[in-house]
């Protein structure tokens, strides 16, 4: 996979050329256009370096080198690595803001920016993956958004040998919490089983695209009934093999684990730590068991799935090199 070795801000102006036009209506956005020419420079108030500007020969609009940087339009770009370190340490947004002398809303916006770049990095890794040659462990863990009546299950598909996270998919559903009488629920959440089945089907469908023709995908799961319902789909029956390890009943507190529980934990070791299993290596996913994902204060955005996934993946985002996503 081609990935830049240096941040865009560190590349010399004489060696930098825009890879594409950032405007989606321009023909040079998705295909090779007529190129660019230099169009002066400017300086940021936070830096003394000259930032070159370029003019697209296709649409006649200008852009700068900062357009292709993760710090684009940031007044304090030095905060981005500090916020990433705080998120991976599982610090709250208020704690990160207090340590870096900024507003907590600034930390929230940067977390979403990091999440978008983490998703882009993960998508590029998946696009360059070879065919899947291992079994995949799939499991959900539960959290909630702002209130416990807005429950969220996030399914993760992890390679049993490589521990590579193949997919992260949300399953928002109605939780067990009680809604206050003075507030109205603007967004209707789907039933728990329907939401989980749809999430599992999306994950399996994405995994099958990375499977060689004629092979079957081996999916290691727990005893959740939604896996069997999703596997009954006509387009999945011939290419999917489920290895089910039911969740045994828990004994009294402090009692040793049963042989069934040990067998299940050994088989599902790469899965995120939820109802079972030791701690795993993909730290950004497992730490979400201990936190609440705080959605934006607007009622209509509380259950936006794309926004939830960006916040979830931002918890595991490190200092991502500068990249711009093509829309």
C-alpha atoms as a PDB file:
ATOM      1  CA  UNK A   1       0.000   0.000   0.000  1.00  0.00           C
ATOM      2  CA  UNK A   2       1.335   3.420  -0.952  1.00  0.00           C
ATOM      3  CA  UNK A   3       1.398   5.597   2.142  1.00  0.00           C
ATOM      4  CA  UNK A   4       3.234   8.938   2.570  1.00  0.00           C
ATOM      5  CA  UNK A   5       6.336   8.781   4.716  1.00  0.00           C
ATOM      6  CA  UNK A   6       6.307  12.469   5.650  1.00  0.00           C
ATOM      7  CA  UNK A   7       3.442  14.739   6.667  1.00  0.00           C
ATOM      8  CA  UNK A   8       2.234  17.011   3.913  1.00  0.00           C
ATOM      9  CA  UNK A   9       3.295  20.052   5.938  1.00  0.00           C
ATOM     10  CA  UNK A  10       6.925  18.847   5.877  1.00  0.00           C
ATOM     11  CA  UNK A  11       7.162  18.414   2.105  1.00  0.00           C
ATOM     12  CA  UNK A  12       9.084  21.148   0.307  1.00  0.00           C
ATOM     13  CA  UNK A  13       6.901  23.398  -1.880  1.00  0.00           C
ATOM     14  CA  UNK A  14       9.074  22.620  -4.914  1.00  0.00           C
ATOM     15  CA  UNK A  15       8.426  18.884  -4.509  1.00  0.00           C
ATOM     16  CA  UNK A  16       4.712  18.991  -3.789  1.00  0.00           C
ATOM     17  CA  UNK A  17       1.973  18.744  -6.376  1.00  0.00           C
ATOM     18  CA  UNK A  18      -1.726  18.228  -5.592  1.00  0.00           C
ATOM     19  CA  UNK A  19      -2.694  14.588  -6.274  1.00  0.00           C
ATOM     20  CA  UNK A  20      -6.203  15.606  -7.391  1.00  0.00           C
ATOM     21  CA  UNK A  21      -8.565  18.546  -7.303  1.00  0.00           C
ATOM     22  CA  UNK A  22     -10.377  18.738  -3.966  1.00  0.00           C
ATOM     23  CA  UNK A  23     -13.639  19.922  -5.567  1.00  0.00           C
ATOM     24  CA  UNK A  24     -16.007  17.043  -6.252  1.00  0.00           C
ATOM     25  CA  UNK A  25     -17.576  18.743  -9.296  1.00  0.00           C
ATOM     26  CA  UNK A  26     -14.221  18.972 -11.067  1.00  0.00           C
ATOM     27  CA  UNK A  27     -13.236  16.281 -13.583  1.00  0.00           C
ATOM     28  CA  UNK A  28      -9.755  16.168 -12.038  1.00  0.00           C
ATOM     29  CA  UNK A  29     -11.204  14.990  -8.732  1.00  0.00           C
ATOM     30  CA  UNK A  30     -11.514  11.339  -9.776  1.00  0.00           C
ATOM     31  CA  UNK A  31      -9.423  11.153 -12.931  1.00  0.00           C
ATOM     32  CA  UNK A  32      -6.255  12.663 -14.310  1.00  0.00           C
ATOM     33  CA  UNK A  33      -6.886  16.219 -15.408  1.00  0.00           C
ATOM     34  CA  UNK A  34      -4.866  18.974 -17.042  1.00  0.00           C
ATOM     35  CA  UNK A  35      -2.653  19.425 -14.008  1.00  0.00           C
ATOM     36  CA  UNK A  36      -1.933  22.349 -11.690  1.00  0.00           C
ATOM     37  CA  UNK A  37       0.199  25.459 -11.737  1.00  0.00           C
ATOM     38  CA  UNK A  38       1.619  27.536  -8.899  1.00  0.00           C
ATOM     39  CA  UNK A  39      -0.564  30.406  -7.786  1.00  0.00           C
ATOM     40  CA  UNK A  40       1.405  32.258  -5.118  1.00  0.00           C
ATOM     41  CA  UNK A  41       1.688  31.506  -1.415  1.00  0.00           C
ATOM     42  CA  UNK A  42       0.487  32.642   2.003  1.00  0.00           C
ATOM     43  CA  UNK A  43       1.394  32.301   5.671  1.00  0.00           C
ATOM     44  CA  UNK A  44      -0.641  31.065   8.615  1.00  0.00           C
ATOM     45  CA  UNK A  45      -0.753  33.126  11.830  1.00  0.00           C
ATOM     46  CA  UNK A  46       0.535  30.072  13.725  1.00  0.00           C
ATOM     47  CA  UNK A  47       3.553  29.459  11.467  1.00  0.00           C
ATOM     48  CA  UNK A  48       6.190  31.449   9.577  1.00  0.00           C
ATOM     49  CA  UNK A  49       6.474  28.923   6.750  1.00  0.00           C
ATOM     50  CA  UNK A  50       5.249  29.804   3.299  1.00  0.00           C
ATOM     51  CA  UNK A  51       2.353  27.642   2.142  1.00  0.00           C
ATOM     52  CA  UNK A  52       2.131  27.343  -1.663  1.00  0.00           C
ATOM     53  CA  UNK A  53      -1.136  27.712  -3.540  1.00  0.00           C
ATOM     54  CA  UNK A  54      -2.042  25.948  -6.799  1.00  0.00           C
ATOM     55  CA  UNK A  55      -4.515  26.605  -9.586  1.00  0.00           C
ATOM     56  CA  UNK A  56      -6.395  23.708 -11.171  1.00  0.00           C
ATOM     57  CA  UNK A  57      -6.171  23.954 -14.975  1.00  0.00           C
ATOM     58  CA  UNK A  58      -9.389  21.956 -15.290  1.00  0.00           C
ATOM     59  CA  UNK A  59     -11.856  24.014 -13.242  1.00  0.00           C
ATOM     60  CA  UNK A  60      -9.861  27.210 -12.643  1.00  0.00           C
ATOM     61  CA  UNK A  61     -10.244  27.019  -8.842  1.00  0.00           C
ATOM     62  CA  UNK A  62      -7.345  27.281  -6.413  1.00  0.00           C
ATOM     63  CA  UNK A  63      -6.238  25.193  -3.449  1.00  0.00           C
ATOM     64  CA  UNK A  64      -3.207  25.073  -1.184  1.00  0.00           C
ATOM     65  CA  UNK A  65      -0.906  22.439   0.243  1.00  0.00           C
ATOM     66  CA  UNK A  66      -2.788  22.608   3.544  1.00  0.00           C
ATOM     67  CA  UNK A  67      -5.942  21.371   1.789  1.00  0.00           C
ATOM     68  CA  UNK A  68      -4.405  17.869   1.775  1.00  0.00           C
ATOM     69  CA  UNK A  69      -3.280  17.916   5.405  1.00  0.00           C
ATOM     70  CA  UNK A  70      -4.951  16.543   8.529  1.00  0.00           C
ATOM     71  CA  UNK A  71      -4.463  19.979  10.101  1.00  0.00           C
ATOM     72  CA  UNK A  72      -6.524  21.719   7.413  1.00  0.00           C
ATOM     73  CA  UNK A  73      -8.431  24.706   8.836  1.00  0.00           C
ATOM     74  CA  UNK A  74      -7.154  24.087  12.374  1.00  0.00           C
ATOM     75  CA  UNK A  75      -6.208  27.140  14.398  1.00  0.00           C
ATOM     76  CA  UNK A  76      -4.069  25.024  16.758  1.00  0.00           C
ATOM     77  CA  UNK A  77      -2.681  22.118  14.713  1.00  0.00           C
ATOM     78  CA  UNK A  78      -0.319  21.060  17.509  1.00  0.00           C
ATOM     79  CA  UNK A  79      -3.351  19.868  19.506  1.00  0.00           C
ATOM     80  CA  UNK A  80      -4.102  16.994  17.115  1.00  0.00           C
ATOM     81  CA  UNK A  81      -1.347  14.555  18.301  1.00  0.00           C
ATOM     82  CA  UNK A  82      -2.075  15.443  21.947  1.00  0.00           C
ATOM     83  CA  UNK A  83      -5.775  14.699  21.494  1.00  0.00           C
ATOM     84  CA  UNK A  84      -4.945  11.392  19.767  1.00  0.00           C
ATOM     85  CA  UNK A  85      -2.716  10.359  22.683  1.00  0.00           C
ATOM     86  CA  UNK A  86      -5.417  11.289  25.172  1.00  0.00           C
ATOM     87  CA  UNK A  87      -8.069   9.284  23.315  1.00  0.00           C
ATOM     88  CA  UNK A  88      -5.897   6.161  23.161  1.00  0.00           C
ATOM     89  CA  UNK A  89      -5.295   6.562  26.904  1.00  0.00           C
ATOM     90  CA  UNK A  90      -9.093   6.490  27.363  1.00  0.00           C
ATOM     91  CA  UNK A  91      -9.229   9.994  28.786  1.00  0.00           C
ATOM     92  CA  UNK A  92     -12.482  11.931  28.793  1.00  0.00           C
ATOM     93  CA  UNK A  93     -12.895  14.926  26.511  1.00  0.00           C
ATOM     94  CA  UNK A  94     -13.024  17.295  29.461  1.00  0.00           C
ATOM     95  CA  UNK A  95      -9.777  15.878  30.848  1.00  0.00           C
ATOM     96  CA  UNK A  96      -8.002  16.262  27.511  1.00  0.00           C
ATOM     97  CA  UNK A  97      -9.313  19.819  27.152  1.00  0.00           C
ATOM     98  CA  UNK A  98      -8.182  20.739  30.661  1.00  0.00           C
ATOM     99  CA  UNK A  99      -4.680  19.353  30.043  1.00  0.00           C
ATOM    100  CA  UNK A 100      -4.274  21.178  26.719  1.00  0.00           C
ATOM    101  CA  UNK A 101      -6.002  24.449  27.702  1.00  0.00           C
ATOM    102  CA  UNK A 102      -8.768  24.288  25.109  1.00  0.00           C
ATOM    103  CA  UNK A 103     -12.538  23.824  24.968  1.00  0.00           C
ATOM    104  CA  UNK A 104     -14.038  20.355  25.227  1.00  0.00           C
ATOM    105  CA  UNK A 105     -15.932  20.947  21.969  1.00  0.00           C
ATOM    106  CA  UNK A 106     -12.552  21.379  20.281  1.00  0.00           C
ATOM    107  CA  UNK A 107     -11.525  17.935  21.513  1.00  0.00           C
ATOM    108  CA  UNK A 108     -14.799  16.439  20.256  1.00  0.00           C
ATOM    109  CA  UNK A 109     -14.299  17.895  16.770  1.00  0.00           C
ATOM    110  CA  UNK A 110     -10.708  16.655  16.645  1.00  0.00           C
ATOM    111  CA  UNK A 111     -11.825  13.198  17.782  1.00  0.00           C
ATOM    112  CA  UNK A 112     -14.234  13.067  14.863  1.00  0.00           C
ATOM    113  CA  UNK A 113     -11.485  14.229  12.484  1.00  0.00           C
ATOM    114  CA  UNK A 114      -9.139  11.529  13.772  1.00  0.00           C
ATOM    115  CA  UNK A 115     -11.913   8.982  13.438  1.00  0.00           C
ATOM    116  CA  UNK A 116     -12.484   9.862   9.791  1.00  0.00           C
ATOM    117  CA  UNK A 117      -8.792   9.474   9.004  1.00  0.00           C
ATOM    118  CA  UNK A 118      -8.644   6.218  10.986  1.00  0.00           C
ATOM    119  CA  UNK A 119     -11.524   4.863   8.904  1.00  0.00           C
ATOM    120  CA  UNK A 120      -9.725   5.947   5.723  1.00  0.00           C
ATOM    121  CA  UNK A 121      -6.504   4.277   6.853  1.00  0.00           C
ATOM    122  CA  UNK A 122      -8.390   1.091   7.725  1.00  0.00           C
ATOM    123  CA  UNK A 123     -10.234   1.141   4.377  1.00  0.00           C
ATOM    124  CA  UNK A 124      -6.936   1.453   2.492  1.00  0.00           C
ATOM    125  CA  UNK A 125      -5.511  -1.474   4.449  1.00  0.00           C
ATOM    126  CA  UNK A 126      -8.569  -3.576   3.628  1.00  0.00           C
ATOM    127  CA  UNK A 127      -8.430  -2.655  -0.053  1.00  0.00           C
ATOM    128  CA  UNK A 128      -4.865  -4.017  -0.280  1.00  0.00           C
ATOM    129  CA  UNK A 129      -5.502  -7.202   1.688  1.00  0.00           C
ATOM    130  CA  UNK A 130      -4.835 -10.596   0.089  1.00  0.00           C
ATOM    131  CA  UNK A 131      -7.500 -13.272   0.187  1.00  0.00           C
ATOM    132  CA  UNK A 132      -8.552 -14.286   3.693  1.00  0.00           C
ATOM    133  CA  UNK A 133      -6.811 -17.535   4.614  1.00  0.00           C
ATOM    134  CA  UNK A 134      -7.895 -17.786   8.255  1.00  0.00           C
ATOM    135  CA  UNK A 135     -11.007 -18.117  10.332  1.00  0.00           C
ATOM    136  CA  UNK A 136     -12.608 -14.907  11.588  1.00  0.00           C
ATOM    137  CA  UNK A 137     -13.856 -14.300  15.128  1.00  0.00           C
ATOM    138  CA  UNK A 138     -16.926 -12.082  15.409  1.00  0.00           C
ATOM    139  CA  UNK A 139     -18.500 -10.667  18.555  1.00  0.00           C
ATOM    140  CA  UNK A 140     -20.422  -7.616  19.745  1.00  0.00           C
ATOM    141  CA  UNK A 141     -19.856  -5.503  22.801  1.00  0.00           C
ATOM    142  CA  UNK A 142     -22.438  -3.261  24.338  1.00  0.00           C
ATOM    143  CA  UNK A 143     -22.338   0.412  25.206  1.00  0.00           C
ATOM    144  CA  UNK A 144     -24.822   3.273  25.042  1.00  0.00           C
ATOM    145  CA  UNK A 145     -25.073   6.771  23.604  1.00  0.00           C
ATOM    146  CA  UNK A 146     -25.687   9.487  26.209  1.00  0.00           C
ATOM    147  CA  UNK A 147     -28.485   7.489  27.873  1.00  0.00           C
ATOM    148  CA  UNK A 148     -28.983   3.785  28.563  1.00  0.00           C
ATOM    149  CA  UNK A 149     -32.188   3.631  26.528  1.00  0.00           C
ATOM    150  CA  UNK A 150     -30.033   4.319  23.440  1.00  0.00           C
ATOM    151  CA  UNK A 151     -28.047   1.116  23.398  1.00  0.00           C
ATOM    152  CA  UNK A 152     -25.364   0.330  20.833  1.00  0.00           C
ATOM    153  CA  UNK A 153     -23.744  -2.951  19.918  1.00  0.00           C
ATOM    154  CA  UNK A 154     -20.530  -2.692  17.891  1.00  0.00           C
ATOM    155  CA  UNK A 155     -19.610  -5.877  16.057  1.00  0.00           C
ATOM    156  CA  UNK A 156     -15.932  -6.536  15.359  1.00  0.00           C
ATOM    157  CA  UNK A 157     -14.568  -9.147  12.950  1.00  0.00           C
ATOM    158  CA  UNK A 158     -11.008 -10.109  13.911  1.00  0.00           C
ATOM    159  CA  UNK A 159      -8.636 -12.612  12.299  1.00  0.00           C
ATOM    160  CA  UNK A 160      -8.045 -15.613  14.560  1.00  0.00           C
ATOM    161  CA  UNK A 161      -4.310 -15.744  13.756  1.00  0.00           C
ATOM    162  CA  UNK A 162      -3.396 -12.298  12.431  1.00  0.00           C
ATOM    163  CA  UNK A 163      -5.596 -10.326  14.913  1.00  0.00           C
ATOM    164  CA  UNK A 164      -6.337  -7.901  12.093  1.00  0.00           C
ATOM    165  CA  UNK A 165      -9.636  -6.063  12.535  1.00  0.00           C
ATOM    166  CA  UNK A 166     -11.426  -6.783   9.263  1.00  0.00           C
ATOM    167  CA  UNK A 167     -14.606  -4.857  10.020  1.00  0.00           C
ATOM    168  CA  UNK A 168     -16.372  -2.707  12.623  1.00  0.00           C
ATOM    169  CA  UNK A 169     -20.133  -2.356  12.237  1.00  0.00           C
ATOM    170  CA  UNK A 170     -22.702  -0.666  14.525  1.00  0.00           C
ATOM    171  CA  UNK A 171     -26.018  -2.146  15.674  1.00  0.00           C
ATOM    172  CA  UNK A 172     -27.993   0.625  17.430  1.00  0.00           C
ATOM    173  CA  UNK A 173     -31.090  -0.592  19.259  1.00  0.00           C
ATOM    174  CA  UNK A 174     -33.393   0.297  22.101  1.00  0.00           C
ATOM    175  CA  UNK A 175     -31.809  -0.299  25.484  1.00  0.00           C
ATOM    176  CA  UNK A 176     -33.240  -1.148  28.877  1.00  0.00           C
ATOM    177  CA  UNK A 177     -33.032   2.368  30.290  1.00  0.00           C
ATOM    178  CA  UNK A 178     -36.157   4.415  30.920  1.00  0.00           C
ATOM    179  CA  UNK A 179     -36.747   7.557  28.922  1.00  0.00           C
ATOM    180  CA  UNK A 180     -37.591  10.693  30.925  1.00  0.00           C
ATOM    181  CA  UNK A 181     -41.222  11.789  30.513  1.00  0.00           C
ATOM    182  CA  UNK A 182     -40.299  15.380  29.772  1.00  0.00           C
ATOM    183  CA  UNK A 183     -38.350  14.475  26.644  1.00  0.00           C
ATOM    184  CA  UNK A 184     -39.638  13.074  23.373  1.00  0.00           C
ATOM    185  CA  UNK A 185     -37.805  10.437  21.393  1.00  0.00           C
ATOM    186  CA  UNK A 186     -37.170  11.913  17.949  1.00  0.00           C
ATOM    187  CA  UNK A 187     -35.366   8.896  16.480  1.00  0.00           C
ATOM    188  CA  UNK A 188     -37.012   5.486  16.450  1.00  0.00           C
ATOM    189  CA  UNK A 189     -34.570   2.684  17.166  1.00  0.00           C
ATOM    190  CA  UNK A 190     -35.009  -0.741  15.620  1.00  0.00           C
ATOM    191  CA  UNK A 191     -35.584  -3.895  17.606  1.00  0.00           C
ATOM    192  CA  UNK A 192     -32.479  -5.523  19.028  1.00  0.00           C
ATOM    193  CA  UNK A 193     -32.654  -8.714  16.953  1.00  0.00           C
ATOM    194  CA  UNK A 194     -33.354  -6.960  13.633  1.00  0.00           C
ATOM    195  CA  UNK A 195     -30.508  -4.503  14.151  1.00  0.00           C
ATOM    196  CA  UNK A 196     -28.029  -7.266  15.029  1.00  0.00           C
ATOM    197  CA  UNK A 197     -29.045  -9.419  12.039  1.00  0.00           C
ATOM    198  CA  UNK A 198     -28.566  -6.503   9.643  1.00  0.00           C
ATOM    199  CA  UNK A 199     -25.175  -5.698  11.187  1.00  0.00           C
ATOM    200  CA  UNK A 200     -24.023  -9.326  10.927  1.00  0.00           C
ATOM    201  CA  UNK A 201     -25.143  -9.569   7.287  1.00  0.00           C
ATOM    202  CA  UNK A 202     -23.248  -6.389   6.389  1.00  0.00           C
ATOM    203  CA  UNK A 203     -20.092  -7.712   8.028  1.00  0.00           C
ATOM    204  CA  UNK A 204     -20.295 -11.131   6.381  1.00  0.00           C
ATOM    205  CA  UNK A 205     -21.017  -9.577   2.997  1.00  0.00           C
ATOM    206  CA  UNK A 206     -17.905  -7.423   3.285  1.00  0.00           C
ATOM    207  CA  UNK A 207     -15.751 -10.382   4.339  1.00  0.00           C
ATOM    208  CA  UNK A 208     -16.890 -12.520   1.409  1.00  0.00           C
ATOM    209  CA  UNK A 209     -15.476  -9.973  -1.036  1.00  0.00           C
ATOM    210  CA  UNK A 210     -11.994 -10.779   0.328  1.00  0.00           C
ATOM    211  CA  UNK A 211     -12.506 -14.543  -0.013  1.00  0.00           C
ATOM    212  CA  UNK A 212     -11.166 -16.490  -2.974  1.00  0.00           C
ATOM    213  CA  UNK A 213     -13.712 -18.114  -5.280  1.00  0.00           C
ATOM    214  CA  UNK A 214     -14.843 -21.552  -4.116  1.00  0.00           C
ATOM    215  CA  UNK A 215     -13.709 -21.143  -0.488  1.00  0.00           C
ATOM    216  CA  UNK A 216     -15.979 -20.872   2.530  1.00  0.00           C
ATOM    217  CA  UNK A 217     -15.655 -18.350   5.312  1.00  0.00           C
ATOM    218  CA  UNK A 218     -15.272 -19.863   8.768  1.00  0.00           C
ATOM    219  CA  UNK A 219     -16.866 -17.565  11.340  1.00  0.00           C
ATOM    220  CA  UNK A 220     -16.269 -18.255  15.033  1.00  0.00           C
ATOM    221  CA  UNK A 221     -19.139 -16.857  17.118  1.00  0.00           C
ATOM    222  CA  UNK A 222     -20.827 -17.228  20.472  1.00  0.00           C
ATOM    223  CA  UNK A 223     -24.326 -18.567  21.110  1.00  0.00           C
ATOM    224  CA  UNK A 224     -26.250 -15.498  19.944  1.00  0.00           C
ATOM    225  CA  UNK A 225     -29.276 -16.639  17.911  1.00  0.00           C
ATOM    226  CA  UNK A 226     -28.926 -13.723  15.461  1.00  0.00           C
ATOM    227  CA  UNK A 227     -25.931 -15.429  13.807  1.00  0.00           C
ATOM    228  CA  UNK A 228     -28.044 -18.426  12.793  1.00  0.00           C
ATOM    229  CA  UNK A 229     -30.779 -16.128  11.476  1.00  0.00           C
ATOM    230  CA  UNK A 230     -28.290 -14.144   9.372  1.00  0.00           C
ATOM    231  CA  UNK A 231     -26.639 -17.327   8.044  1.00  0.00           C
ATOM    232  CA  UNK A 232     -29.972 -18.530   6.598  1.00  0.00           C
ATOM    233  CA  UNK A 233     -29.803 -15.919   3.837  1.00  0.00           C
ATOM    234  CA  UNK A 234     -29.703 -17.552   0.405  1.00  0.00           C
ATOM    235  CA  UNK A 235     -26.549 -15.742  -0.665  1.00  0.00           C
ATOM    236  CA  UNK A 236     -24.629 -16.794   2.470  1.00  0.00           C
ATOM    237  CA  UNK A 237     -25.557 -20.447   3.021  1.00  0.00           C
ATOM    238  CA  UNK A 238     -23.087 -21.907   0.515  1.00  0.00           C
ATOM    239  CA  UNK A 239     -20.128 -19.698   1.461  1.00  0.00           C
ATOM    240  CA  UNK A 240     -20.373 -19.497   5.254  1.00  0.00           C
ATOM    241  CA  UNK A 241     -19.496 -22.011   7.972  1.00  0.00           C
ATOM    242  CA  UNK A 242     -20.377 -21.133  11.571  1.00  0.00           C
ATOM    243  CA  UNK A 243     -18.429 -22.469  14.529  1.00  0.00           C
ATOM    244  CA  UNK A 244     -20.638 -21.747  17.508  1.00  0.00           C
ATOM    245  CA  UNK A 245     -19.392 -21.706  21.105  1.00  0.00           C
ATOM    246  CA  UNK A 246     -22.409 -21.077  23.361  1.00  0.00           C
ATOM    247  CA  UNK A 247     -22.062 -18.953  26.470  1.00  0.00           C
ATOM    248  CA  UNK A 248     -22.317 -21.289  29.501  1.00  0.00           C
ATOM    249  CA  UNK A 249     -24.170 -20.221  32.583  1.00  0.00           C
ATOM    250  CA  UNK A 250     -22.124 -18.309  35.127  1.00  0.00           C
ATOM    251  CA  UNK A 251     -21.500 -19.924  38.474  1.00  0.00           C
ATOM    252  CA  UNK A 252     -21.336 -18.217  41.866  1.00  0.00           C
ATOM    253  CA  UNK A 253     -18.926 -15.332  42.263  1.00  0.00           C
ATOM    254  CA  UNK A 254     -15.368 -16.565  42.678  1.00  0.00           C
ATOM    255  CA  UNK A 255     -16.077 -20.071  41.360  1.00  0.00           C
ATOM    256  CA  UNK A 256     -13.654 -21.546  38.793  1.00  0.00           C
ATOM    257  CA  UNK A 257     -14.560 -21.465  35.152  1.00  0.00           C
ATOM    258  CA  UNK A 258     -16.160 -24.496  33.574  1.00  0.00           C
ATOM    259  CA  UNK A 259     -14.445 -26.496  30.799  1.00  0.00           C
ATOM    260  CA  UNK A 260     -17.007 -25.126  28.322  1.00  0.00           C
ATOM    261  CA  UNK A 261     -16.119 -21.555  29.282  1.00  0.00           C
ATOM    262  CA  UNK A 262     -12.398 -22.273  28.874  1.00  0.00           C
ATOM    263  CA  UNK A 263     -12.976 -23.799  25.445  1.00  0.00           C
ATOM    264  CA  UNK A 264     -15.039 -20.798  24.345  1.00  0.00           C
ATOM    265  CA  UNK A 265     -12.465 -18.302  25.645  1.00  0.00           C
ATOM    266  CA  UNK A 266      -9.645 -20.130  23.854  1.00  0.00           C
ATOM    267  CA  UNK A 267     -11.562 -20.141  20.558  1.00  0.00           C
ATOM    268  CA  UNK A 268     -12.692 -16.506  20.792  1.00  0.00           C
ATOM    269  CA  UNK A 269      -9.503 -15.029  22.217  1.00  0.00           C
ATOM    270  CA  UNK A 270      -9.003 -12.387  19.460  1.00  0.00           C
ATOM    271  CA  UNK A 271     -12.553 -11.078  19.916  1.00  0.00           C
ATOM    272  CA  UNK A 272     -13.108  -7.901  21.945  1.00  0.00           C
ATOM    273  CA  UNK A 273     -13.469  -8.295  25.680  1.00  0.00           C
ATOM    274  CA  UNK A 274     -17.208  -8.382  26.298  1.00  0.00           C
ATOM    275  CA  UNK A 275     -19.006 -11.187  28.061  1.00  0.00           C
ATOM    276  CA  UNK A 276     -15.922 -13.395  27.919  1.00  0.00           C
ATOM    277  CA  UNK A 277     -12.264 -13.585  27.034  1.00  0.00           C
ATOM    278  CA  UNK A 278      -9.020 -11.962  28.194  1.00  0.00           C
ATOM    279  CA  UNK A 279      -7.760  -8.581  27.130  1.00  0.00           C
ATOM    280  CA  UNK A 280      -6.704  -8.370  23.503  1.00  0.00           C
ATOM    281  CA  UNK A 281      -4.176  -6.508  21.428  1.00  0.00           C
ATOM    282  CA  UNK A 282      -6.415  -4.082  19.494  1.00  0.00           C
ATOM    283  CA  UNK A 283      -6.545  -1.660  22.364  1.00  0.00           C
ATOM    284  CA  UNK A 284      -8.739   0.959  20.751  1.00  0.00           C
ATOM    285  CA  UNK A 285     -11.646  -1.506  20.428  1.00  0.00           C
ATOM    286  CA  UNK A 286     -11.424  -3.169  23.814  1.00  0.00           C
ATOM    287  CA  UNK A 287     -11.255   0.073  25.788  1.00  0.00           C
ATOM    288  CA  UNK A 288     -14.698   1.006  24.526  1.00  0.00           C
ATOM    289  CA  UNK A 289     -16.105  -1.485  27.052  1.00  0.00           C
ATOM    290  CA  UNK A 290     -15.209   0.923  29.819  1.00  0.00           C
ATOM    291  CA  UNK A 291     -16.471   4.194  28.339  1.00  0.00           C
ATOM    292  CA  UNK A 292     -19.656   5.827  27.124  1.00  0.00           C
ATOM    293  CA  UNK A 293     -19.795   7.114  23.559  1.00  0.00           C
ATOM    294  CA  UNK A 294     -21.145  10.619  23.866  1.00  0.00           C
ATOM    295  CA  UNK A 295     -23.160  11.669  20.853  1.00  0.00           C
ATOM    296  CA  UNK A 296     -23.717  15.305  19.865  1.00  0.00           C
ATOM    297  CA  UNK A 297     -26.283  17.219  21.898  1.00  0.00           C
ATOM    298  CA  UNK A 298     -28.663  17.498  18.954  1.00  0.00           C
ATOM    299  CA  UNK A 299     -31.499  15.019  19.275  1.00  0.00           C
ATOM    300  CA  UNK A 300     -31.676  14.144  15.593  1.00  0.00           C
ATOM    301  CA  UNK A 301     -27.993  13.145  15.430  1.00  0.00           C
ATOM    302  CA  UNK A 302     -28.040  10.912  18.498  1.00  0.00           C
ATOM    303  CA  UNK A 303     -28.190   7.652  16.543  1.00  0.00           C
ATOM    304  CA  UNK A 304     -26.387   8.556  13.327  1.00  0.00           C
ATOM    305  CA  UNK A 305     -24.471   5.341  12.567  1.00  0.00           C
ATOM    306  CA  UNK A 306     -21.646   6.927  10.577  1.00  0.00           C
ATOM    307  CA  UNK A 307     -21.026   9.448  13.363  1.00  0.00           C
ATOM    308  CA  UNK A 308     -21.023   6.664  15.966  1.00  0.00           C
ATOM    309  CA  UNK A 309     -18.458   4.624  14.045  1.00  0.00           C
ATOM    310  CA  UNK A 310     -16.189   7.658  13.614  1.00  0.00           C
ATOM    311  CA  UNK A 311     -16.253   8.277  17.352  1.00  0.00           C
ATOM    312  CA  UNK A 312     -15.656   4.604  18.079  1.00  0.00           C
ATOM    313  CA  UNK A 313     -12.662   4.257  15.797  1.00  0.00           C
ATOM    314  CA  UNK A 314     -11.212   7.536  16.983  1.00  0.00           C
ATOM    315  CA  UNK A 315     -10.648   5.928  20.381  1.00  0.00           C
ATOM    316  CA  UNK A 316      -8.049   3.706  18.766  1.00  0.00           C
ATOM    317  CA  UNK A 317      -6.624   6.288  16.386  1.00  0.00           C
ATOM    318  CA  UNK A 318      -2.984   7.222  16.679  1.00  0.00           C
ATOM    319  CA  UNK A 319      -1.212  10.020  14.820  1.00  0.00           C
ATOM    320  CA  UNK A 320      -2.563   9.271  11.342  1.00  0.00           C
ATOM    321  CA  UNK A 321      -0.517  10.595   8.396  1.00  0.00           C
ATOM    322  CA  UNK A 322      -2.251  13.325   6.403  1.00  0.00           C
ATOM    323  CA  UNK A 323      -4.657  11.998   3.811  1.00  0.00           C
ATOM    324  CA  UNK A 324      -7.744  13.384   2.086  1.00  0.00           C
ATOM    325  CA  UNK A 325     -10.699  11.099   1.383  1.00  0.00           C
ATOM    326  CA  UNK A 326     -12.175  11.270  -2.084  1.00  0.00           C
ATOM    327  CA  UNK A 327     -15.971  11.503  -2.023  1.00  0.00           C
END
